[in-house]
Amino acid sequence: MPVITVNWWQGNDRAARRELVSGITDVVSRVSGCPGEAVTVIVRDVDPGHWGKGGHLADETRLPRSRR
């Protein structure tokens, strides 16, 4: 059934990952009509030094973390 992959920056704690997985599962289950048990969510923690945005590595930007 549905497999969703989320790439986000390292540093989010386990509680945030749990909330993310739960919320995504709820929405996908509701929209697709499949049971929540059939939804797979993969969360990848990416180092900002391995993430490019606007032609620059994210760890080199001066934007606050919430705006990256």
PDB file of N, CA and C in Angstrom:
ATOM      1  N   MET A   1       0.833  -1.177   0.000  1.00  0.00           N
ATOM      2  CA  MET A   1       0.000   0.000   0.000  1.00  0.00           C
ATOM      3  C   MET A   1       0.889   1.256   0.000  1.00  0.00           C
ATOM      4  N   PRO A   2       0.399   2.391   0.439  1.00  0.00           N
ATOM      5  CA  PRO A   2       1.175   3.633   0.323  1.00  0.00           C
ATOM      6  C   PRO A   2       2.473   3.604   1.131  1.00  0.00           C
ATOM      7  N   VAL A   3       3.520   4.105   0.498  1.00  0.00           N
ATOM      8  CA  VAL A   3       4.811   4.292   1.167  1.00  0.00           C
ATOM      9  C   VAL A   3       5.185   5.759   0.986  1.00  0.00           C
ATOM     10  N   ILE A   4       5.354   6.462   2.093  1.00  0.00           N
ATOM     11  CA  ILE A   4       5.673   7.885   2.066  1.00  0.00           C
ATOM     12  C   ILE A   4       7.060   8.061   2.662  1.00  0.00           C
ATOM     13  N   THR A   5       7.896   8.825   1.972  1.00  0.00           N
ATOM     14  CA  THR A   5       9.229   9.119   2.477  1.00  0.00           C
ATOM     15  C   THR A   5       9.325  10.605   2.778  1.00  0.00           C
ATOM     16  N   VAL A   6       9.793  10.922   3.972  1.00  0.00           N
ATOM     17  CA  VAL A   6       9.980  12.305   4.403  1.00  0.00           C
ATOM     18  C   VAL A   6      11.465  12.518   4.639  1.00  0.00           C
ATOM     19  N   ASN A   7      12.025  13.507   3.974  1.00  0.00           N
ATOM     20  CA  ASN A   7      13.405  13.914   4.222  1.00  0.00           C
ATOM     21  C   ASN A   7      13.355  15.215   5.007  1.00  0.00           C
ATOM     22  N   TRP A   8      13.951  15.219   6.189  1.00  0.00           N
ATOM     23  CA  TRP A   8      14.027  16.458   6.964  1.00  0.00           C
ATOM     24  C   TRP A   8      15.367  16.511   7.655  1.00  0.00           C
ATOM     25  N   TRP A   9      15.674  17.672   8.184  1.00  0.00           N
ATOM     26  CA  TRP A   9      16.988  17.851   8.777  1.00  0.00           C
ATOM     27  C   TRP A   9      17.122  17.120  10.091  1.00  0.00           C
ATOM     28  N   GLN A  10      18.341  16.686  10.343  1.00  0.00           N
ATOM     29  CA  GLN A  10      18.652  16.070  11.629  1.00  0.00           C
ATOM     30  C   GLN A  10      18.362  17.049  12.755  1.00  0.00           C
ATOM     31  N   GLY A  11      18.089  16.494  13.918  1.00  0.00           N
ATOM     32  CA  GLY A  11      17.898  17.335  15.082  1.00  0.00           C
ATOM     33  C   GLY A  11      16.493  17.288  15.639  1.00  0.00           C
ATOM     34  N   ASN A  12      15.561  16.708  14.894  1.00  0.00           N
ATOM     35  CA  ASN A  12      14.205  16.549  15.417  1.00  0.00           C
ATOM     36  C   ASN A  12      14.190  15.348  16.353  1.00  0.00           C
ATOM     37  N   ASP A  13      13.529  15.482  17.473  1.00  0.00           N
ATOM     38  CA  ASP A  13      13.560  14.406  18.456  1.00  0.00           C
ATOM     39  C   ASP A  13      12.541  13.311  18.136  1.00  0.00           C
ATOM     40  N   ARG A  14      12.613  12.260  18.916  1.00  0.00           N
ATOM     41  CA  ARG A  14      11.749  11.094  18.706  1.00  0.00           C
ATOM     42  C   ARG A  14      10.266  11.471  18.789  1.00  0.00           C
ATOM     43  N   ALA A  15       9.915  12.347  19.716  1.00  0.00           N
ATOM     44  CA  ALA A  15       8.517  12.765  19.856  1.00  0.00           C
ATOM     45  C   ALA A  15       8.028  13.453  18.582  1.00  0.00           C
ATOM     46  N   ALA A  16       8.864  14.273  17.971  1.00  0.00           N
ATOM     47  CA  ALA A  16       8.490  14.954  16.722  1.00  0.00           C
ATOM     48  C   ALA A  16       8.318  13.941  15.602  1.00  0.00           C
ATOM     49  N   ARG A  17       9.223  12.946  15.529  1.00  0.00           N
ATOM     50  CA  ARG A  17       9.087  11.904  14.504  1.00  0.00           C
ATOM     51  C   ARG A  17       7.808  11.104  14.709  1.00  0.00           C
ATOM     52  N   ARG A  18       7.510  10.780  15.954  1.00  0.00           N
ATOM     53  CA  ARG A  18       6.292  10.027  16.264  1.00  0.00           C
ATOM     54  C   ARG A  18       5.044  10.800  15.818  1.00  0.00           C
ATOM     55  N   GLU A  19       5.012  12.094  16.130  1.00  0.00           N
ATOM     56  CA  GLU A  19       3.871  12.929  15.740  1.00  0.00           C
ATOM     57  C   GLU A  19       3.751  13.026  14.220  1.00  0.00           C
ATOM     58  N   LEU A  20       4.886  13.185  13.540  1.00  0.00           N
ATOM     59  CA  LEU A  20       4.896  13.271  12.082  1.00  0.00           C
ATOM     60  C   LEU A  20       4.346  11.992  11.465  1.00  0.00           C
ATOM     61  N   VAL A  21       4.854  10.848  11.905  1.00  0.00           N
ATOM     62  CA  VAL A  21       4.423   9.555  11.364  1.00  0.00           C
ATOM     63  C   VAL A  21       2.929   9.340  11.622  1.00  0.00           C
ATOM     64  N   SER A  22       2.485   9.660  12.811  1.00  0.00           N
ATOM     65  CA  SER A  22       1.075   9.493  13.151  1.00  0.00           C
ATOM     66  C   SER A  22       0.181  10.376  12.279  1.00  0.00           C
ATOM     67  N   GLY A  23       0.554  11.644  12.133  1.00  0.00           N
ATOM     68  CA  GLY A  23      -0.243  12.574  11.335  1.00  0.00           C
ATOM     69  C   GLY A  23      -0.295  12.199   9.870  1.00  0.00           C
ATOM     70  N   ILE A  24       0.846  11.831   9.320  1.00  0.00           N
ATOM     71  CA  ILE A  24       0.885  11.430   7.909  1.00  0.00           C
ATOM     72  C   ILE A  24       0.058  10.168   7.699  1.00  0.00           C
ATOM     73  N   THR A  25       0.199   9.214   8.605  1.00  0.00           N
ATOM     74  CA  THR A  25      -0.566   7.970   8.501  1.00  0.00           C
ATOM     75  C   THR A  25      -2.061   8.254   8.523  1.00  0.00           C
ATOM     76  N   ASP A  26      -2.492   9.118   9.438  1.00  0.00           N
ATOM     77  CA  ASP A  26      -3.916   9.460   9.530  1.00  0.00           C
ATOM     78  C   ASP A  26      -4.437  10.058   8.229  1.00  0.00           C
ATOM     79  N   VAL A  27      -3.694  11.012   7.678  1.00  0.00           N
ATOM     80  CA  VAL A  27      -4.144  11.692   6.448  1.00  0.00           C
ATOM     81  C   VAL A  27      -4.162  10.727   5.269  1.00  0.00           C
ATOM     82  N   VAL A  28      -3.100   9.971   5.095  1.00  0.00           N
ATOM     83  CA  VAL A  28      -3.036   9.054   3.949  1.00  0.00           C
ATOM     84  C   VAL A  28      -4.120   7.993   4.058  1.00  0.00           C
ATOM     85  N   SER A  29      -4.348   7.489   5.252  1.00  0.00           N
ATOM     86  CA  SER A  29      -5.391   6.491   5.457  1.00  0.00           C
ATOM     87  C   SER A  29      -6.760   7.072   5.118  1.00  0.00           C
ATOM     88  N   ARG A  30      -7.035   8.275   5.596  1.00  0.00           N
ATOM     89  CA  ARG A  30      -8.323   8.916   5.335  1.00  0.00           C
ATOM     90  C   ARG A  30      -8.528   9.181   3.841  1.00  0.00           C
ATOM     91  N   VAL A  31      -7.515   9.736   3.203  1.00  0.00           N
ATOM     92  CA  VAL A  31      -7.647  10.124   1.792  1.00  0.00           C
ATOM     93  C   VAL A  31      -7.684   8.904   0.872  1.00  0.00           C
ATOM     94  N   SER A  32      -6.863   7.905   1.168  1.00  0.00           N
ATOM     95  CA  SER A  32      -6.778   6.744   0.275  1.00  0.00           C
ATOM     96  C   SER A  32      -7.814   5.671   0.590  1.00  0.00           C
ATOM     97  N   GLY A  33      -8.353   5.715   1.799  1.00  0.00           N
ATOM     98  CA  GLY A  33      -9.327   4.692   2.187  1.00  0.00           C
ATOM     99  C   GLY A  33      -8.715   3.388   2.636  1.00  0.00           C
ATOM    100  N   CYS A  34      -7.407   3.349   2.762  1.00  0.00           N
ATOM    101  CA  CYS A  34      -6.765   2.121   3.220  1.00  0.00           C
ATOM    102  C   CYS A  34      -6.574   2.177   4.742  1.00  0.00           C
ATOM    103  N   PRO A  35      -6.431   1.032   5.377  1.00  0.00           N
ATOM    104  CA  PRO A  35      -6.239   1.041   6.826  1.00  0.00           C
ATOM    105  C   PRO A  35      -4.874   1.632   7.191  1.00  0.00           C
ATOM    106  N   GLY A  36      -4.796   2.270   8.347  1.00  0.00           N
ATOM    107  CA  GLY A  36      -3.535   2.858   8.800  1.00  0.00           C
ATOM    108  C   GLY A  36      -2.401   1.854   8.855  1.00  0.00           C
ATOM    109  N   GLU A  37      -2.736   0.609   9.152  1.00  0.00           N
ATOM    110  CA  GLU A  37      -1.706  -0.442   9.237  1.00  0.00           C
ATOM    111  C   GLU A  37      -1.032  -0.701   7.890  1.00  0.00           C
ATOM    112  N   ALA A  38      -1.676  -0.275   6.817  1.00  0.00           N
ATOM    113  CA  ALA A  38      -1.117  -0.492   5.482  1.00  0.00           C
ATOM    114  C   ALA A  38      -0.222   0.656   5.026  1.00  0.00           C
ATOM    115  N   VAL A  39      -0.163   1.743   5.802  1.00  0.00           N
ATOM    116  CA  VAL A  39       0.630   2.916   5.428  1.00  0.00           C
ATOM    117  C   VAL A  39       2.019   2.800   6.039  1.00  0.00           C
ATOM    118  N   THR A  40       3.031   2.976   5.200  1.00  0.00           N
ATOM    119  CA  THR A  40       4.421   2.981   5.664  1.00  0.00           C
ATOM    120  C   THR A  40       4.973   4.386   5.510  1.00  0.00           C
ATOM    121  N   VAL A  41       5.587   4.890   6.572  1.00  0.00           N
ATOM    122  CA  VAL A  41       6.227   6.209   6.532  1.00  0.00           C
ATOM    123  C   VAL A  41       7.695   6.008   6.866  1.00  0.00           C
ATOM    124  N   ILE A  42       8.554   6.477   5.982  1.00  0.00           N
ATOM    125  CA  ILE A  42       9.996   6.407   6.189  1.00  0.00           C
ATOM    126  C   ILE A  42      10.488   7.825   6.438  1.00  0.00           C
ATOM    127  N   VAL A  43      11.151   8.028   7.572  1.00  0.00           N
ATOM    128  CA  VAL A  43      11.667   9.350   7.918  1.00  0.00           C
ATOM    129  C   VAL A  43      13.189   9.301   7.813  1.00  0.00           C
ATOM    130  N   ARG A  44      13.727  10.166   6.966  1.00  0.00           N
ATOM    131  CA  ARG A  44      15.183  10.235   6.781  1.00  0.00           C
ATOM    132  C   ARG A  44      15.693  11.539   7.372  1.00  0.00           C
ATOM    133  N   ASP A  45      16.600  11.426   8.314  1.00  0.00           N
ATOM    134  CA  ASP A  45      17.247  12.594   8.905  1.00  0.00           C
ATOM    135  C   ASP A  45      18.477  12.936   8.067  1.00  0.00           C
ATOM    136  N   VAL A  46      18.470  14.120   7.505  1.00  0.00           N
ATOM    137  CA  VAL A  46      19.547  14.540   6.609  1.00  0.00           C
ATOM    138  C   VAL A  46      20.358  15.645   7.271  1.00  0.00           C
ATOM    139  N   ASP A  47      21.652  15.486   7.263  1.00  0.00           N
ATOM    140  CA  ASP A  47      22.549  16.524   7.764  1.00  0.00           C
ATOM    141  C   ASP A  47      22.417  17.751   6.867  1.00  0.00           C
ATOM    142  N   PRO A  48      22.240  18.958   7.428  1.00  0.00           N
ATOM    143  CA  PRO A  48      22.107  20.160   6.599  1.00  0.00           C
ATOM    144  C   PRO A  48      23.284  20.366   5.637  1.00  0.00           C
ATOM    145  N   GLY A  49      24.439  19.796   5.951  1.00  0.00           N
ATOM    146  CA  GLY A  49      25.579  19.886   5.055  1.00  0.00           C
ATOM    147  C   GLY A  49      25.422  19.021   3.812  1.00  0.00           C
ATOM    148  N   HIS A  50      24.413  18.169   3.805  1.00  0.00           N
ATOM    149  CA  HIS A  50      24.118  17.317   2.657  1.00  0.00           C
ATOM    150  C   HIS A  50      22.833  17.758   1.974  1.00  0.00           C
ATOM    151  N   TRP A  51      22.417  18.991   2.228  1.00  0.00           N
ATOM    152  CA  TRP A  51      21.137  19.504   1.724  1.00  0.00           C
ATOM    153  C   TRP A  51      21.405  20.837   1.040  1.00  0.00           C
ATOM    154  N   GLY A  52      21.088  20.930  -0.224  1.00  0.00           N
ATOM    155  CA  GLY A  52      21.284  22.179  -0.943  1.00  0.00           C
ATOM    156  C   GLY A  52      19.982  22.938  -1.089  1.00  0.00           C
ATOM    157  N   LYS A  53      20.054  24.241  -0.937  1.00  0.00           N
ATOM    158  CA  LYS A  53      18.871  25.083  -1.105  1.00  0.00           C
ATOM    159  C   LYS A  53      19.316  26.418  -1.682  1.00  0.00           C
ATOM    160  N   GLY A  54      18.703  26.816  -2.767  1.00  0.00           N
ATOM    161  CA  GLY A  54      19.030  28.101  -3.376  1.00  0.00           C
ATOM    162  C   GLY A  54      20.470  28.196  -3.848  1.00  0.00           C
ATOM    163  N   GLY A  55      21.032  27.062  -4.223  1.00  0.00           N
ATOM    164  CA  GLY A  55      22.409  27.059  -4.722  1.00  0.00           C
ATOM    165  C   GLY A  55      23.473  27.010  -3.649  1.00  0.00           C
ATOM    166  N   HIS A  56      23.055  26.838  -2.392  1.00  0.00           N
ATOM    167  CA  HIS A  56      24.004  26.800  -1.277  1.00  0.00           C
ATOM    168  C   HIS A  56      23.689  25.616  -0.379  1.00  0.00           C
ATOM    169  N   LEU A  57      24.693  25.153   0.322  1.00  0.00           N
ATOM    170  CA  LEU A  57      24.444  24.126   1.330  1.00  0.00           C
ATOM    171  C   LEU A  57      23.669  24.751   2.477  1.00  0.00           C
ATOM    172  N   ALA A  58      22.701  24.015   2.972  1.00  0.00           N
ATOM    173  CA  ALA A  58      21.812  24.549   4.010  1.00  0.00           C
ATOM    174  C   ALA A  58      22.562  24.937   5.271  1.00  0.00           C
ATOM    175  N   ASP A  59      23.642  24.237   5.585  1.00  0.00           N
ATOM    176  CA  ASP A  59      24.379  24.588   6.802  1.00  0.00           C
ATOM    177  C   ASP A  59      25.207  25.857   6.631  1.00  0.00           C
ATOM    178  N   GLU A  60      25.243  26.408   5.428  1.00  0.00           N
ATOM    179  CA  GLU A  60      25.967  27.658   5.194  1.00  0.00           C
ATOM    180  C   GLU A  60      25.032  28.861   5.142  1.00  0.00           C
ATOM    181  N   THR A  61      23.726  28.616   5.188  1.00  0.00           N
ATOM    182  CA  THR A  61      22.779  29.738   5.148  1.00  0.00           C
ATOM    183  C   THR A  61      22.655  30.363   6.529  1.00  0.00           C
ATOM    184  N   ARG A  62      22.158  31.559   6.552  1.00  0.00           N
ATOM    185  CA  ARG A  62      21.988  32.265   7.829  1.00  0.00           C
ATOM    186  C   ARG A  62      20.525  32.385   8.217  1.00  0.00           C
ATOM    187  N   LEU A  63      19.650  31.652   7.512  1.00  0.00           N
ATOM    188  CA  LEU A  63      18.229  31.688   7.847  1.00  0.00           C
ATOM    189  C   LEU A  63      17.975  30.950   9.156  1.00  0.00           C
ATOM    190  N   PRO A  64      17.018  31.402   9.935  1.00  0.00           N
ATOM    191  CA  PRO A  64      16.635  30.655  11.130  1.00  0.00           C
ATOM    192  C   PRO A  64      16.174  29.265  10.722  1.00  0.00           C
ATOM    193  N   ARG A  65      16.371  28.299  11.557  1.00  0.00           N
ATOM    194  CA  ARG A  65      16.032  26.916  11.266  1.00  0.00           C
ATOM    195  C   ARG A  65      14.584  26.751  10.797  1.00  0.00           C
ATOM    196  N   SER A  66      13.666  27.507  11.362  1.00  0.00           N
ATOM    197  CA  SER A  66      12.256  27.375  11.000  1.00  0.00           C
ATOM    198  C   SER A  66      11.971  27.845   9.577  1.00  0.00           C
ATOM    199  N   ARG A  67      12.850  28.606   8.955  1.00  0.00           N
ATOM    200  CA  ARG A  67      12.623  29.121   7.595  1.00  0.00           C
ATOM    201  C   ARG A  67      13.390  28.326   6.555  1.00  0.00           C
ATOM    202  N   ARG A  68      14.168  27.351   6.949  1.00  0.00           N
ATOM    203  CA  ARG A  68      14.958  26.585   5.984  1.00  0.00           C
ATOM    204  C   ARG A  68      14.138  25.581   5.263  1.00  0.00           C
TER     205      ARG A  68
END
